[in-house]
N, C-alpha and C. Protein backbone atom coordinates (compact mmCIF):
# COMPACT_ATOMS: atom_id res chain seq x y z
N MET A 1 92.03 135.30 156.35
CA MET A 1 93.01 135.65 155.75
C MET A 1 92.58 136.23 154.34
N THR A 2 93.62 136.87 153.82
CA THR A 2 93.26 137.53 152.33
C THR A 2 93.18 136.48 151.54
N THR A 3 91.99 136.80 150.70
CA THR A 3 92.05 135.51 149.39
C THR A 3 92.28 136.28 148.33
N ASP A 4 92.68 137.92 148.00
CA ASP A 4 92.59 138.65 146.99
C ASP A 4 94.37 138.26 145.99
N LYS A 5 94.20 137.88 145.39
CA LYS A 5 95.38 137.31 144.67
C LYS A 5 96.03 138.73 143.78
N THR A 6 95.55 139.64 143.84
CA THR A 6 95.87 140.58 143.23
C THR A 6 97.14 142.16 144.20
N LYS A 7 96.93 141.82 145.39
CA LYS A 7 97.61 142.65 146.39
C LYS A 7 98.54 141.78 147.55
N GLU A 8 99.52 142.36 147.87
CA GLU A 8 99.60 141.61 149.14
C GLU A 8 99.37 141.69 150.12
N PRO A 9 99.25 141.12 151.37
CA PRO A 9 98.18 141.48 152.40
C PRO A 9 98.77 142.12 153.53
N THR A 10 98.05 142.47 154.16
CA THR A 10 99.04 143.55 155.46
C THR A 10 99.21 142.42 156.29
N ALA A 11 100.80 143.29 156.23
CA ALA A 11 101.79 142.03 157.74
C ALA A 11 101.57 142.81 158.65
N SER A 12 101.99 141.93 159.91
CA SER A 12 101.87 142.62 161.31
C SER A 12 103.60 142.83 161.01
N THR A 13 103.68 143.95 162.14
CA THR A 13 105.38 144.01 162.42
C THR A 13 105.86 143.59 163.61
N SER A 14 107.10 143.50 163.48
CA SER A 14 108.08 143.33 164.75
C SER A 14 109.06 144.25 164.91
N ASN A 15 109.52 144.54 166.47
CA ASN A 15 110.50 145.27 166.61
C ASN A 15 111.72 144.27 166.75
N VAL A 16 112.16 142.80 166.47
CA VAL A 16 112.78 142.33 166.86
C VAL A 16 113.97 142.10 165.38
N ASP A 17 115.21 142.42 166.11
CA ASP A 17 116.46 142.22 165.06
C ASP A 17 116.07 140.77 164.44
N VAL A 18 116.52 140.81 163.35
CA VAL A 18 116.48 139.70 162.64
C VAL A 18 118.13 138.75 163.01
N LEU A 19 119.08 139.37 163.31
CA LEU A 19 120.33 138.85 163.92
C LEU A 19 119.88 138.17 165.17
N MET A 20 119.25 139.09 165.93
CA MET A 20 118.89 138.72 167.36
C MET A 20 118.02 137.37 167.21
N ALA A 21 116.88 137.61 166.23
CA ALA A 21 115.86 136.67 165.84
C ALA A 21 116.59 135.00 166.01
N ILE A 22 117.55 135.64 165.17
CA ILE A 22 118.26 133.50 164.54
C ILE A 22 119.09 133.45 165.81
N ARG A 23 119.57 134.51 166.43
CA ARG A 23 120.48 133.74 167.77
C ARG A 23 119.52 133.23 168.69
N HIS A 24 118.37 133.96 168.93
CA HIS A 24 117.59 133.66 170.26
C HIS A 24 116.10 133.07 169.96
N ARG A 25 116.04 132.44 168.84
CA ARG A 25 114.87 131.46 168.77
C ARG A 25 115.24 130.27 169.05
N ARG A 26 114.51 129.59 169.53
CA ARG A 26 114.38 128.20 170.49
C ARG A 26 113.27 127.60 170.06
N SER A 27 112.91 126.19 169.87
CA SER A 27 111.95 125.50 169.60
C SER A 27 111.20 125.40 170.79
N ILE A 28 110.18 126.01 170.73
CA ILE A 28 109.25 126.18 172.22
C ILE A 28 107.70 125.01 171.64
N ARG A 29 107.80 124.18 172.53
CA ARG A 29 106.86 122.96 172.22
C ARG A 29 105.34 123.35 173.42
N ARG A 30 105.61 124.23 174.44
CA ARG A 30 104.45 124.23 175.53
C ARG A 30 103.85 125.81 174.68
N TYR A 31 101.96 125.61 175.12
CA TYR A 31 101.40 126.89 174.52
C TYR A 31 100.86 127.37 175.59
N THR A 32 100.40 128.48 175.55
CA THR A 32 98.80 128.73 176.01
C THR A 32 97.58 128.48 175.45
N PRO A 33 96.58 128.47 175.83
CA PRO A 33 95.49 128.43 174.89
C PRO A 33 94.87 129.85 174.16
N GLU A 34 95.85 130.66 174.20
CA GLU A 34 95.36 131.93 173.38
C GLU A 34 95.59 131.81 172.11
N PRO A 35 94.39 132.18 171.23
CA PRO A 35 94.19 131.79 170.15
C PRO A 35 95.82 132.80 169.09
N ILE A 36 95.21 132.27 167.88
CA ILE A 36 96.39 133.15 167.06
C ILE A 36 95.50 133.72 166.05
N ASP A 37 95.59 134.81 165.91
CA ASP A 37 94.62 135.42 164.54
C ASP A 37 95.11 135.73 163.38
N ASN A 38 94.10 135.45 162.70
CA ASN A 38 94.54 135.05 161.36
C ASN A 38 95.39 136.33 160.48
N ALA A 39 95.06 137.61 161.15
CA ALA A 39 96.76 138.24 160.63
C ALA A 39 97.69 138.20 160.62
N THR A 40 97.96 137.42 161.76
CA THR A 40 99.30 136.53 162.56
C THR A 40 99.52 135.73 161.58
N LEU A 41 98.82 134.91 161.31
CA LEU A 41 99.17 133.68 160.40
C LEU A 41 99.50 133.94 159.00
N THR A 42 98.79 135.05 158.67
CA THR A 42 98.90 135.58 157.01
C THR A 42 100.43 136.23 157.31
N THR A 43 100.61 136.75 158.47
CA THR A 43 102.05 137.43 158.32
C THR A 43 102.92 136.04 158.24
N ILE A 44 102.98 135.01 159.51
CA ILE A 44 103.97 134.20 158.82
C ILE A 44 103.70 133.35 157.97
N LEU A 45 102.71 133.35 157.05
CA LEU A 45 102.77 132.45 155.61
C LEU A 45 103.25 133.52 154.73
N GLN A 46 103.29 134.46 154.90
CA GLN A 46 103.62 135.77 153.97
C GLN A 46 105.48 135.11 153.81
N ALA A 47 105.59 135.46 155.57
CA ALA A 47 107.52 135.23 155.32
C ALA A 47 108.22 133.53 154.38
N GLY A 48 106.74 132.56 154.87
CA GLY A 48 107.44 131.53 153.85
C GLY A 48 107.37 131.68 152.87
N LEU A 49 106.54 132.47 151.51
CA LEU A 49 106.09 132.65 150.90
C LEU A 49 107.68 133.50 150.00
N CYS A 50 108.47 134.43 151.26
CA CYS A 50 109.06 135.07 150.68
C CYS A 50 110.63 134.27 150.55
N ALA A 51 110.65 133.00 151.00
CA ALA A 51 111.87 132.49 151.44
C ALA A 51 112.36 132.31 149.58
N PRO A 52 114.02 131.95 149.34
CA PRO A 52 114.69 131.61 148.40
C PRO A 52 114.46 130.19 148.17
N THR A 53 114.21 130.13 146.35
CA THR A 53 114.03 129.09 145.88
C THR A 53 114.96 128.80 144.45
N ALA A 54 115.46 127.41 144.01
CA ALA A 54 116.22 127.04 143.16
C ALA A 54 115.44 127.45 141.87
N MET A 55 116.02 128.30 141.32
CA MET A 55 115.49 128.72 139.78
C MET A 55 114.11 130.01 139.93
N ASN A 56 114.07 130.01 141.43
CA ASN A 56 112.80 130.41 141.66
C ASN A 56 111.56 130.24 141.45
N ARG A 57 111.50 128.49 141.25
CA ARG A 57 110.07 127.91 141.11
C ARG A 57 109.22 127.79 141.98
N ARG A 58 109.48 128.35 143.41
CA ARG A 58 108.65 128.58 144.39
C ARG A 58 107.63 127.22 144.28
N PRO A 59 108.10 125.81 144.79
CA PRO A 59 107.38 124.28 144.33
C PRO A 59 106.54 124.35 146.01
N PHE A 60 106.29 125.28 146.76
CA PHE A 60 105.94 125.12 148.07
C PHE A 60 104.60 125.50 148.36
N HIS A 61 103.96 125.00 149.34
CA HIS A 61 102.34 125.20 149.84
C HIS A 61 102.15 124.77 150.91
N PHE A 62 101.34 125.56 151.83
CA PHE A 62 101.20 125.79 152.99
C PHE A 62 99.73 125.49 153.45
N VAL A 63 99.78 124.13 154.43
CA VAL A 63 98.41 124.00 155.05
C VAL A 63 98.22 124.43 156.31
N VAL A 64 97.46 124.70 156.59
CA VAL A 64 97.24 125.96 157.74
C VAL A 64 96.00 124.81 158.73
N ILE A 65 96.46 124.67 159.93
CA ILE A 65 95.37 123.61 160.67
C ILE A 65 94.94 124.68 161.80
N LYS A 66 93.83 124.35 162.35
CA LYS A 66 93.30 125.06 163.45
C LYS A 66 92.41 124.35 164.02
N ASP A 67 91.92 123.01 163.52
CA ASP A 67 90.92 122.35 164.13
C ASP A 67 91.92 121.21 165.01
N LYS A 68 91.22 121.79 166.23
CA LYS A 68 91.92 120.49 167.35
C LYS A 68 91.50 119.53 167.28
N ASP A 69 90.14 119.00 166.30
CA ASP A 69 90.59 117.64 166.05
C ASP A 69 91.52 116.88 165.56
N THR A 70 91.91 117.38 164.09
CA THR A 70 92.83 117.65 162.87
C THR A 70 94.22 117.08 163.91
N LEU A 71 94.37 118.47 164.72
CA LEU A 71 95.65 118.90 165.42
C LEU A 71 96.22 117.57 166.56
N ALA A 72 95.10 116.86 166.96
CA ALA A 72 94.92 115.47 168.12
C ALA A 72 95.29 114.65 166.88
N THR A 73 94.94 113.94 165.62
CA THR A 73 95.26 113.15 164.93
C THR A 73 96.65 113.16 164.90
N LEU A 74 97.03 114.53 164.29
CA LEU A 74 98.81 114.69 163.39
C LEU A 74 99.43 114.35 164.91
N SER A 75 98.79 114.70 165.98
CA SER A 75 99.81 114.27 167.28
C SER A 75 99.89 113.09 167.83
N ALA A 76 98.68 112.18 167.70
CA ALA A 76 98.97 110.76 167.85
C ALA A 76 99.57 109.81 167.10
N GLY A 77 99.77 110.62 165.75
CA GLY A 77 100.27 109.71 164.93
C GLY A 77 102.04 109.67 164.88
N LYS A 78 103.02 110.55 165.41
CA LYS A 78 104.16 110.82 165.84
C LYS A 78 104.33 110.76 167.01
N LYS A 79 105.43 110.17 167.71
CA LYS A 79 105.88 110.16 168.85
C LYS A 79 106.33 111.60 169.09
N TYR A 80 107.06 112.21 168.55
CA TYR A 80 107.50 113.14 169.22
C TYR A 80 106.70 114.71 168.65
N ALA A 81 105.37 114.49 168.02
CA ALA A 81 104.63 115.50 168.05
C ALA A 81 103.44 115.96 168.71
N TRP A 82 103.47 115.44 170.35
CA TRP A 82 102.91 115.69 170.67
C TRP A 82 102.46 117.09 171.35
N MET A 83 103.30 117.94 170.98
CA MET A 83 102.77 119.32 171.07
C MET A 83 101.40 119.40 170.48
N LEU A 84 101.76 119.21 169.21
CA LEU A 84 100.33 119.77 168.26
C LEU A 84 99.07 119.65 168.71
N SER A 85 98.56 118.40 169.95
CA SER A 85 97.91 118.02 170.67
C SER A 85 97.26 119.59 171.50
N HIS A 86 98.14 120.23 171.80
CA HIS A 86 98.41 121.98 172.50
C HIS A 86 98.60 122.94 172.15
N ALA A 87 98.80 122.80 170.56
CA ALA A 87 99.48 123.93 169.36
C ALA A 87 97.76 124.85 169.63
N GLN A 88 97.81 125.90 169.10
CA GLN A 88 96.98 126.72 168.59
C GLN A 88 96.97 127.01 167.22
N ALA A 89 97.70 126.49 166.68
CA ALA A 89 97.47 126.56 164.86
C ALA A 89 98.83 125.56 164.52
N ALA A 90 98.96 124.77 163.42
CA ALA A 90 100.02 123.95 162.49
C ALA A 90 100.31 124.57 161.51
N ILE A 91 101.52 124.60 160.71
CA ILE A 91 101.15 124.71 159.14
C ILE A 91 102.40 123.81 158.31
N VAL A 92 101.79 122.72 157.63
CA VAL A 92 102.43 121.78 157.38
C VAL A 92 102.59 122.78 155.94
N ILE A 93 104.54 121.89 155.65
CA ILE A 93 105.10 122.87 154.65
C ILE A 93 105.14 122.10 153.67
N CYS A 94 104.16 121.78 152.52
CA CYS A 94 104.63 121.12 151.35
C CYS A 94 105.31 121.24 149.69
N GLY A 95 105.71 120.60 149.11
CA GLY A 95 106.35 120.74 148.17
C GLY A 95 105.78 119.88 146.88
N ASP A 96 105.77 121.08 145.86
CA ASP A 96 105.28 119.88 144.60
C ASP A 96 106.42 119.80 143.67
N ASN A 97 106.12 118.38 143.84
CA ASN A 97 107.11 117.67 142.90
C ASN A 97 106.71 117.71 141.24
N THR A 98 105.83 118.63 140.96
CA THR A 98 105.62 118.82 139.59
C THR A 98 106.26 120.41 139.30
N VAL A 99 106.74 121.18 140.16
CA VAL A 99 106.70 121.83 139.74
C VAL A 99 108.54 122.09 140.09
N GLU A 100 109.16 121.37 140.97
CA GLU A 100 110.47 121.25 141.14
C GLU A 100 110.75 119.61 141.40
N ASP A 101 111.11 118.99 140.69
CA ASP A 101 111.48 117.48 140.42
C ASP A 101 112.73 117.19 140.74
N ARG A 102 113.80 117.99 141.61
CA ARG A 102 114.67 117.77 141.86
C ARG A 102 114.46 117.46 143.42
N PRO A 103 114.88 116.39 144.08
CA PRO A 103 114.14 116.30 145.27
C PRO A 103 114.79 116.77 146.60
N GLU A 104 116.53 117.04 145.93
CA GLU A 104 117.23 118.30 147.09
C GLU A 104 116.77 119.61 146.81
N HIS A 105 116.27 120.02 145.51
CA HIS A 105 115.68 121.19 145.45
C HIS A 105 114.79 121.47 146.06
N LEU A 106 113.48 119.99 146.11
CA LEU A 106 112.74 120.33 146.59
C LEU A 106 112.38 121.06 148.28
N TYR A 107 113.62 119.97 148.78
CA TYR A 107 113.11 120.24 150.27
C TYR A 107 114.18 121.41 150.61
N ALA A 108 115.14 121.40 149.77
CA ALA A 108 115.65 122.62 150.30
C ALA A 108 114.89 124.26 150.13
N ASP A 109 114.23 123.87 149.43
CA ASP A 109 113.30 125.48 148.99
C ASP A 109 112.13 125.15 150.26
N CYS A 110 111.79 124.44 150.58
CA CYS A 110 110.60 124.16 151.96
C CYS A 110 111.44 124.32 152.70
N PHE A 111 112.41 123.75 153.18
CA PHE A 111 113.15 124.14 153.99
C PHE A 111 113.49 125.72 154.73
N ALA A 112 113.70 126.57 153.55
CA ALA A 112 114.26 127.79 153.49
C ALA A 112 112.78 128.36 154.13
N ALA A 113 112.07 128.08 153.44
CA ALA A 113 110.52 128.77 153.70
C ALA A 113 109.93 128.27 155.36
N THR A 114 110.59 127.02 155.59
CA THR A 114 110.13 127.15 157.36
C THR A 114 110.84 127.40 158.14
N GLN A 115 112.35 127.81 157.82
CA GLN A 115 113.30 128.82 158.87
C GLN A 115 112.65 129.99 158.64
N ASN A 116 112.51 131.23 157.36
CA ASN A 116 111.58 131.74 157.20
C ASN A 116 109.84 132.15 158.51
N MET A 117 109.58 130.82 158.20
CA MET A 117 108.22 131.10 158.95
C MET A 117 108.06 131.12 160.63
N LEU A 118 109.53 129.91 160.83
CA LEU A 118 109.60 130.10 162.57
C LEU A 118 110.51 131.56 162.90
N LEU A 119 111.41 131.93 162.22
CA LEU A 119 111.83 133.01 162.60
C LEU A 119 110.65 134.28 162.76
N ALA A 120 109.75 134.44 161.64
CA ALA A 120 108.54 135.22 161.99
C ALA A 120 107.40 134.82 162.99
N ILE A 121 107.46 133.78 163.65
CA ILE A 121 107.03 133.30 164.45
C ILE A 121 107.33 133.95 165.86
N HIS A 122 108.98 133.96 165.91
CA HIS A 122 109.85 134.37 166.93
C HIS A 122 109.67 135.70 166.96
N GLY A 123 109.47 136.58 165.65
CA GLY A 123 109.84 137.89 165.86
C GLY A 123 108.66 138.35 166.18
N LEU A 124 106.92 137.95 166.28
CA LEU A 124 106.11 137.74 166.64
C LEU A 124 105.26 137.13 167.87
N HIS A 125 106.79 136.96 168.87
CA HIS A 125 106.56 136.82 170.26
C HIS A 125 105.49 135.28 170.44
N LEU A 126 105.60 134.67 169.29
CA LEU A 126 105.47 133.48 169.48
C LEU A 126 106.21 132.24 169.97
N GLY A 127 105.67 131.13 169.93
CA GLY A 127 106.29 130.06 169.83
C GLY A 127 106.52 129.12 169.16
N GLY A 128 107.50 128.36 168.37
CA GLY A 128 106.82 127.17 167.28
C GLY A 128 107.92 126.24 167.40
N VAL A 129 107.75 125.05 166.70
CA VAL A 129 108.51 123.98 166.78
C VAL A 129 108.52 123.16 165.48
N TRP A 130 110.20 123.05 164.76
CA TRP A 130 110.04 122.63 163.22
C TRP A 130 109.87 120.62 163.68
N LEU A 131 108.95 120.20 163.03
CA LEU A 131 108.90 118.51 163.11
C LEU A 131 108.99 118.14 161.79
N GLY A 132 110.02 117.59 161.80
CA GLY A 132 110.38 116.44 160.03
C GLY A 132 109.68 115.70 159.98
N VAL A 133 109.04 115.51 158.56
CA VAL A 133 108.64 114.48 157.88
C VAL A 133 109.67 113.34 157.20
N SER A 134 109.39 112.26 157.78
CA SER A 134 110.41 111.26 156.85
C SER A 134 109.51 110.71 155.81
N GLN A 135 109.90 111.00 154.77
CA GLN A 135 109.27 110.38 153.63
C GLN A 135 109.34 108.53 153.57
N GLY A 136 108.27 108.18 153.36
CA GLY A 136 107.00 106.81 153.60
C GLY A 136 107.26 106.58 154.70
N SER A 137 107.26 107.17 155.56
CA SER A 137 106.99 107.18 157.22
C SER A 137 105.47 106.96 156.93
N GLU A 138 104.60 106.86 158.20
CA GLU A 138 103.61 106.26 158.71
C GLU A 138 103.12 107.37 158.70
N TRP A 139 103.62 108.81 159.29
CA TRP A 139 103.30 109.84 159.68
C TRP A 139 103.06 110.72 158.58
N SER A 140 103.89 110.39 157.13
CA SER A 140 103.90 111.25 155.94
C SER A 140 102.67 110.94 155.49
N ALA A 141 102.30 109.44 155.65
CA ALA A 141 101.07 109.07 154.80
C ALA A 141 100.00 109.26 155.61
N LEU A 142 100.23 109.40 156.74
CA LEU A 142 98.85 110.30 157.78
C LEU A 142 98.43 111.31 157.23
N LEU A 143 99.23 112.28 157.14
CA LEU A 143 99.50 113.77 156.89
C LEU A 143 99.01 113.67 155.23
N GLN A 144 99.46 112.48 154.45
CA GLN A 144 98.89 112.72 152.99
C GLN A 144 97.28 112.49 153.22
N GLU A 145 96.63 111.71 154.01
CA GLU A 145 95.28 111.12 153.97
C GLU A 145 94.51 112.40 154.44
N THR A 146 94.88 112.52 155.89
CA THR A 146 94.22 113.64 156.86
C THR A 146 94.19 114.75 156.03
N LEU A 147 95.12 115.28 154.91
CA LEU A 147 94.81 116.50 154.58
C LEU A 147 94.54 116.25 153.20
N ARG A 148 94.21 115.35 152.79
CA ARG A 148 94.01 114.71 151.37
C ARG A 148 94.58 116.06 150.38
N LEU A 149 96.12 115.46 150.65
CA LEU A 149 96.65 116.03 149.46
C LEU A 149 97.02 115.22 148.39
N PRO A 150 97.10 115.91 147.05
CA PRO A 150 97.50 115.25 146.03
C PRO A 150 98.73 114.66 146.12
N ALA A 151 98.57 113.88 145.10
CA ALA A 151 100.07 112.61 144.89
C ALA A 151 101.00 113.64 144.67
N ASN A 152 101.04 114.78 143.69
CA ASN A 152 102.33 115.07 143.78
C ASN A 152 102.68 116.20 144.89
N ILE A 153 102.07 116.42 145.57
CA ILE A 153 102.25 117.28 146.68
C ILE A 153 102.83 116.83 148.28
N ILE A 154 104.37 116.79 148.59
CA ILE A 154 104.91 115.85 149.50
C ILE A 154 104.78 117.16 150.96
N PRO A 155 104.86 116.40 151.76
CA PRO A 155 104.57 117.30 153.20
C PRO A 155 106.30 117.13 153.43
N THR A 156 106.92 118.31 153.59
CA THR A 156 108.04 118.02 153.91
C THR A 156 108.40 118.44 155.25
N ALA A 157 107.62 119.44 156.46
CA ALA A 157 107.66 119.65 157.60
C ALA A 157 106.58 120.22 158.07
N VAL A 158 106.51 120.23 159.42
CA VAL A 158 105.54 120.51 160.16
C VAL A 158 105.97 121.58 161.32
N ILE A 159 105.16 122.89 161.35
CA ILE A 159 105.25 123.90 162.42
C ILE A 159 104.14 123.98 163.31
N SER A 160 104.65 123.48 164.85
CA SER A 160 103.60 123.36 165.50
C SER A 160 104.04 125.23 166.13
N LEU A 161 102.67 125.40 166.51
CA LEU A 161 103.03 126.98 166.76
C LEU A 161 101.98 127.65 167.83
N GLY A 162 102.30 128.60 168.52
CA GLY A 162 101.16 129.36 169.56
C GLY A 162 101.81 130.07 170.20
N HIS A 163 100.92 130.75 171.61
CA HIS A 163 101.63 131.62 172.57
C HIS A 163 102.89 130.64 173.47
N PRO A 164 103.65 130.75 173.55
CA PRO A 164 104.61 130.04 174.31
C PRO A 164 104.12 130.54 175.84
N SER A 165 104.18 129.12 176.39
CA SER A 165 104.03 128.89 177.79
C SER A 165 105.35 128.70 178.65
N GLU A 166 106.63 128.66 177.92
CA GLU A 166 107.86 128.11 178.17
C GLU A 166 108.69 129.25 177.53
N GLU A 167 110.00 128.85 178.56
CA GLU A 167 110.97 130.30 178.33
C GLU A 167 112.43 129.44 178.09
N LYS A 168 113.07 129.38 176.95
CA LYS A 168 114.45 128.28 177.05
C LYS A 168 115.38 129.44 177.08
N PRO A 169 116.20 128.95 177.28
CA PRO A 169 117.87 129.70 177.12
C PRO A 169 118.21 129.73 176.35
N ILE A 170 119.64 130.73 176.45
CA ILE A 170 120.01 130.53 174.97
C ILE A 170 121.53 130.32 175.26
N PRO A 171 121.71 128.63 174.09
CA PRO A 171 122.92 128.19 174.67
C PRO A 171 124.03 128.74 173.90
N SER A 172 125.39 128.51 174.07
CA SER A 172 126.41 128.60 173.43
C SER A 172 126.72 127.87 171.97
N THR A 173 126.88 128.67 170.71
CA THR A 173 126.41 127.93 169.88
C THR A 173 127.66 127.73 168.74
N TRP A 174 128.67 128.55 168.73
CA TRP A 174 130.00 128.95 168.64
C TRP A 174 130.99 128.02 168.66
N GLU A 175 131.35 127.19 167.42
CA GLU A 175 132.19 126.08 167.38
C GLU A 175 133.02 126.68 166.44
N PRO A 176 133.98 127.12 166.29
CA PRO A 176 135.05 127.62 165.68
C PRO A 176 135.41 126.41 165.17
N GLU A 177 135.75 125.62 165.51
CA GLU A 177 136.52 123.98 164.78
C GLU A 177 135.50 123.66 163.59
N LYS A 178 134.31 124.18 163.34
CA LYS A 178 133.02 124.30 162.42
C LYS A 178 133.40 124.94 161.54
N ILE A 179 134.40 126.05 161.46
CA ILE A 179 134.45 126.76 160.42
C ILE A 179 135.69 126.62 160.07
N HIS A 180 135.91 126.66 158.43
CA HIS A 180 136.77 126.38 157.74
C HIS A 180 136.54 127.99 156.62
N TYR A 181 137.94 128.23 156.26
CA TYR A 181 138.34 129.18 155.32
C TYR A 181 138.98 128.79 153.79
N GLU A 182 138.60 129.08 152.88
CA GLU A 182 139.10 128.90 151.66
C GLU A 182 139.38 127.02 151.58
N ALA A 183 139.59 126.26 152.37
CA ALA A 183 139.44 124.85 152.12
C ALA A 183 139.51 124.35 153.38
N TRP A 184 139.06 123.11 153.72
CA TRP A 184 138.89 122.53 154.63
C TRP A 184 139.94 122.44 155.51
């Protein structure tokens, strides 16, 4: 991965239309053992860095994990994180509460980055799933400890990713009763 802060990294490309990616993306929890190269990870991280933030404060930080022992430790720490033990990588999305002290904005900013990365993962024909991090939970504490996060860095989400070994159908998501115009 690039460490030169003076230029943008070279990104991979995708022929997946953004509207189709939004419609077709599914949470993928099963992966092949094929590794994910660093250029692909850089492209996914760049997508996260492109997310909008309140007042352009950009409080997010991303921790990339490829180490199998670390992935297994994090997998064992949460019932619904089992797929991490089979993933080729994970990205922990964190927010710096000294940059953005309003929790609702910190989370919104980090979640915008999370969604951008999930769409990039889909566009690159990979699979990924968003794992929530409840604040004050044992898993949040495990993330803090395992990743040696400073006290001001709050884990908000984890993305498990890899080359998919499953396909999911596209469900109907149109619910006109949830759409309101001008007022409720």
